[in-house]
Amino acid sequence: DLGIPGAWSMRLDPDGEGPARPVVFELVVGDAIPPWRTMWPAIFAWVPLVAIGLGAAWRRTSVR
């Protein structure tokens, strides 16, 4: 986790020594997403289950 938004310079050295060349790149990090946006899967996960249940109930009542 990067706690501070902004531009970060990253340097990845594959083995830490030797002839391998490190990879250097810039990474732009934005603000953290609000907590309510991390909860939306839990809030809306029941919608497909209700739709499947209603469809199954309708099929069961219409077959008879």
N, C-alpha and C. Protein backbone atom coordinates (compact mmCIF):
# COMPACT_ATOMS: atom_id res chain seq x y z
N ASP A 1 0.84 -1.19 0.00
CA ASP A 1 0.00 0.00 0.00
C ASP A 1 0.88 1.25 0.00
N LEU A 2 0.55 2.14 -0.89
CA LEU A 2 1.22 3.44 -0.92
C LEU A 2 0.27 4.45 -0.30
N GLY A 3 0.65 5.01 0.81
CA GLY A 3 -0.24 5.90 1.54
C GLY A 3 -0.34 7.30 0.99
N ILE A 4 0.60 7.70 0.15
CA ILE A 4 0.64 9.07 -0.34
C ILE A 4 0.43 9.06 -1.85
N PRO A 5 -0.62 9.76 -2.35
CA PRO A 5 -0.81 9.83 -3.80
C PRO A 5 0.25 10.71 -4.44
N GLY A 6 0.50 10.45 -5.72
CA GLY A 6 1.49 11.23 -6.46
C GLY A 6 2.29 10.35 -7.40
N ALA A 7 3.37 10.88 -7.94
CA ALA A 7 4.23 10.14 -8.86
C ALA A 7 5.35 9.46 -8.07
N TRP A 8 5.52 8.18 -8.32
CA TRP A 8 6.54 7.38 -7.65
C TRP A 8 7.49 6.83 -8.70
N SER A 9 8.77 6.80 -8.40
CA SER A 9 9.76 6.20 -9.28
C SER A 9 10.10 4.82 -8.73
N MET A 10 9.86 3.79 -9.53
CA MET A 10 10.10 2.41 -9.11
C MET A 10 11.36 1.87 -9.77
N ARG A 11 12.11 1.08 -9.03
CA ARG A 11 13.31 0.43 -9.55
C ARG A 11 13.28 -1.02 -9.09
N LEU A 12 13.18 -1.94 -10.03
CA LEU A 12 13.13 -3.37 -9.73
C LEU A 12 14.42 -4.02 -10.20
N ASP A 13 15.15 -4.58 -9.27
CA ASP A 13 16.39 -5.29 -9.57
C ASP A 13 16.09 -6.78 -9.45
N PRO A 14 16.20 -7.54 -10.55
CA PRO A 14 15.76 -8.94 -10.53
C PRO A 14 16.49 -9.82 -9.53
N ASP A 15 17.78 -9.66 -9.38
CA ASP A 15 18.51 -10.54 -8.46
C ASP A 15 19.33 -9.77 -7.42
N GLY A 16 19.35 -8.48 -7.51
CA GLY A 16 20.07 -7.69 -6.52
C GLY A 16 21.54 -7.48 -6.82
N GLU A 17 22.10 -8.24 -7.75
CA GLU A 17 23.52 -8.09 -8.10
C GLU A 17 23.75 -8.71 -9.47
N GLY A 18 24.91 -8.50 -10.00
CA GLY A 18 25.26 -9.14 -11.27
C GLY A 18 24.93 -8.29 -12.48
N PRO A 19 25.04 -8.89 -13.67
CA PRO A 19 24.91 -8.15 -14.91
C PRO A 19 23.46 -7.83 -15.31
N ALA A 20 22.49 -8.36 -14.61
CA ALA A 20 21.09 -8.08 -14.97
C ALA A 20 20.79 -6.60 -14.76
N ARG A 21 20.11 -6.01 -15.73
CA ARG A 21 19.79 -4.59 -15.64
C ARG A 21 18.47 -4.40 -14.90
N PRO A 22 18.43 -3.45 -13.99
CA PRO A 22 17.18 -3.19 -13.27
C PRO A 22 16.15 -2.51 -14.18
N VAL A 23 14.90 -2.69 -13.85
CA VAL A 23 13.81 -2.05 -14.57
C VAL A 23 13.41 -0.81 -13.78
N VAL A 24 13.38 0.33 -14.46
CA VAL A 24 13.02 1.60 -13.82
C VAL A 24 11.81 2.16 -14.54
N PHE A 25 10.77 2.54 -13.77
CA PHE A 25 9.57 3.11 -14.38
C PHE A 25 8.88 4.04 -13.38
N GLU A 26 8.04 4.90 -13.92
CA GLU A 26 7.26 5.84 -13.11
C GLU A 26 5.88 5.24 -12.86
N LEU A 27 5.34 5.50 -11.69
CA LEU A 27 4.02 5.02 -11.32
C LEU A 27 3.25 6.18 -10.73
N VAL A 28 2.07 6.46 -11.28
CA VAL A 28 1.23 7.54 -10.76
C VAL A 28 0.14 6.92 -9.90
N VAL A 29 0.08 7.35 -8.65
CA VAL A 29 -0.87 6.80 -7.68
C VAL A 29 -1.89 7.88 -7.35
N GLY A 30 -3.17 7.52 -7.44
CA GLY A 30 -4.24 8.45 -7.11
C GLY A 30 -4.68 8.30 -5.66
N ASP A 31 -5.71 9.04 -5.31
CA ASP A 31 -6.27 8.95 -3.96
C ASP A 31 -6.91 7.58 -3.74
N ALA A 32 -7.03 7.19 -2.49
CA ALA A 32 -7.68 5.92 -2.15
C ALA A 32 -9.17 6.02 -2.45
N ILE A 33 -9.76 4.88 -2.81
CA ILE A 33 -11.19 4.88 -3.10
C ILE A 33 -11.96 4.97 -1.78
N PRO A 34 -13.15 5.58 -1.81
CA PRO A 34 -13.93 5.70 -0.58
C PRO A 34 -14.37 4.33 -0.06
N PRO A 35 -14.53 4.19 1.24
CA PRO A 35 -14.90 2.88 1.80
C PRO A 35 -16.23 2.35 1.28
N TRP A 36 -17.20 3.22 0.97
CA TRP A 36 -18.50 2.73 0.50
C TRP A 36 -18.38 2.06 -0.85
N ARG A 37 -17.39 2.43 -1.66
CA ARG A 37 -17.24 1.80 -2.97
C ARG A 37 -16.63 0.41 -2.88
N THR A 38 -15.96 0.10 -1.78
CA THR A 38 -15.44 -1.25 -1.60
C THR A 38 -16.52 -2.20 -1.12
N MET A 39 -17.65 -1.67 -0.65
CA MET A 39 -18.74 -2.50 -0.13
C MET A 39 -19.78 -2.85 -1.18
N TRP A 40 -19.74 -2.26 -2.38
CA TRP A 40 -20.82 -2.48 -3.34
C TRP A 40 -20.99 -3.94 -3.75
N PRO A 41 -19.95 -4.77 -3.85
CA PRO A 41 -20.22 -6.18 -4.19
C PRO A 41 -21.06 -6.88 -3.13
N ALA A 42 -20.82 -6.59 -1.86
CA ALA A 42 -21.61 -7.22 -0.80
C ALA A 42 -23.04 -6.71 -0.79
N ILE A 43 -23.21 -5.45 -1.15
CA ILE A 43 -24.56 -4.88 -1.14
C ILE A 43 -25.39 -5.45 -2.28
N PHE A 44 -24.82 -5.59 -3.47
CA PHE A 44 -25.59 -6.01 -4.64
C PHE A 44 -25.42 -7.48 -5.00
N ALA A 45 -24.73 -8.25 -4.20
CA ALA A 45 -24.54 -9.67 -4.51
C ALA A 45 -25.83 -10.45 -4.41
N TRP A 46 -26.78 -9.99 -3.63
CA TRP A 46 -28.04 -10.71 -3.45
C TRP A 46 -28.99 -10.52 -4.62
N VAL A 47 -28.80 -9.52 -5.46
CA VAL A 47 -29.73 -9.24 -6.57
C VAL A 47 -29.84 -10.42 -7.53
N PRO A 48 -28.74 -11.03 -8.02
CA PRO A 48 -28.89 -12.19 -8.91
C PRO A 48 -29.54 -13.38 -8.20
N LEU A 49 -29.27 -13.55 -6.93
CA LEU A 49 -29.89 -14.66 -6.20
C LEU A 49 -31.40 -14.49 -6.10
N VAL A 50 -31.86 -13.28 -5.87
CA VAL A 50 -33.30 -13.02 -5.82
C VAL A 50 -33.92 -13.23 -7.20
N ALA A 51 -33.25 -12.79 -8.24
CA ALA A 51 -33.77 -12.98 -9.60
C ALA A 51 -33.88 -14.46 -9.94
N ILE A 52 -32.89 -15.24 -9.59
CA ILE A 52 -32.93 -16.69 -9.85
C ILE A 52 -34.04 -17.33 -9.03
N GLY A 53 -34.19 -16.93 -7.79
CA GLY A 53 -35.25 -17.47 -6.95
C GLY A 53 -36.63 -17.14 -7.47
N LEU A 54 -36.83 -15.90 -7.91
CA LEU A 54 -38.13 -15.52 -8.47
C LEU A 54 -38.40 -16.27 -9.77
N GLY A 55 -37.38 -16.43 -10.60
CA GLY A 55 -37.56 -17.19 -11.85
C GLY A 55 -37.89 -18.64 -11.57
N ALA A 56 -37.24 -19.24 -10.60
CA ALA A 56 -37.53 -20.64 -10.25
C ALA A 56 -38.93 -20.77 -9.69
N ALA A 57 -39.35 -19.84 -8.85
CA ALA A 57 -40.70 -19.89 -8.29
C ALA A 57 -41.74 -19.71 -9.38
N TRP A 58 -41.50 -18.82 -10.33
CA TRP A 58 -42.45 -18.60 -11.42
C TRP A 58 -42.56 -19.85 -12.30
N ARG A 59 -41.43 -20.48 -12.61
CA ARG A 59 -41.46 -21.71 -13.42
C ARG A 59 -42.21 -22.81 -12.69
N ARG A 60 -42.01 -22.90 -11.41
CA ARG A 60 -42.65 -23.97 -10.64
C ARG A 60 -44.17 -23.77 -10.60
N THR A 61 -44.61 -22.54 -10.46
CA THR A 61 -46.05 -22.29 -10.40
C THR A 61 -46.69 -22.34 -11.78
N SER A 62 -45.96 -22.04 -12.84
CA SER A 62 -46.57 -22.04 -14.17
C SER A 62 -46.62 -23.43 -14.79
N VAL A 63 -45.84 -24.38 -14.29
CA VAL A 63 -45.82 -25.74 -14.85
C VAL A 63 -47.08 -26.49 -14.45
N ARG A 64 -47.58 -26.24 -13.28
CA ARG A 64 -48.75 -26.97 -12.78
C ARG A 64 -50.00 -26.62 -13.48
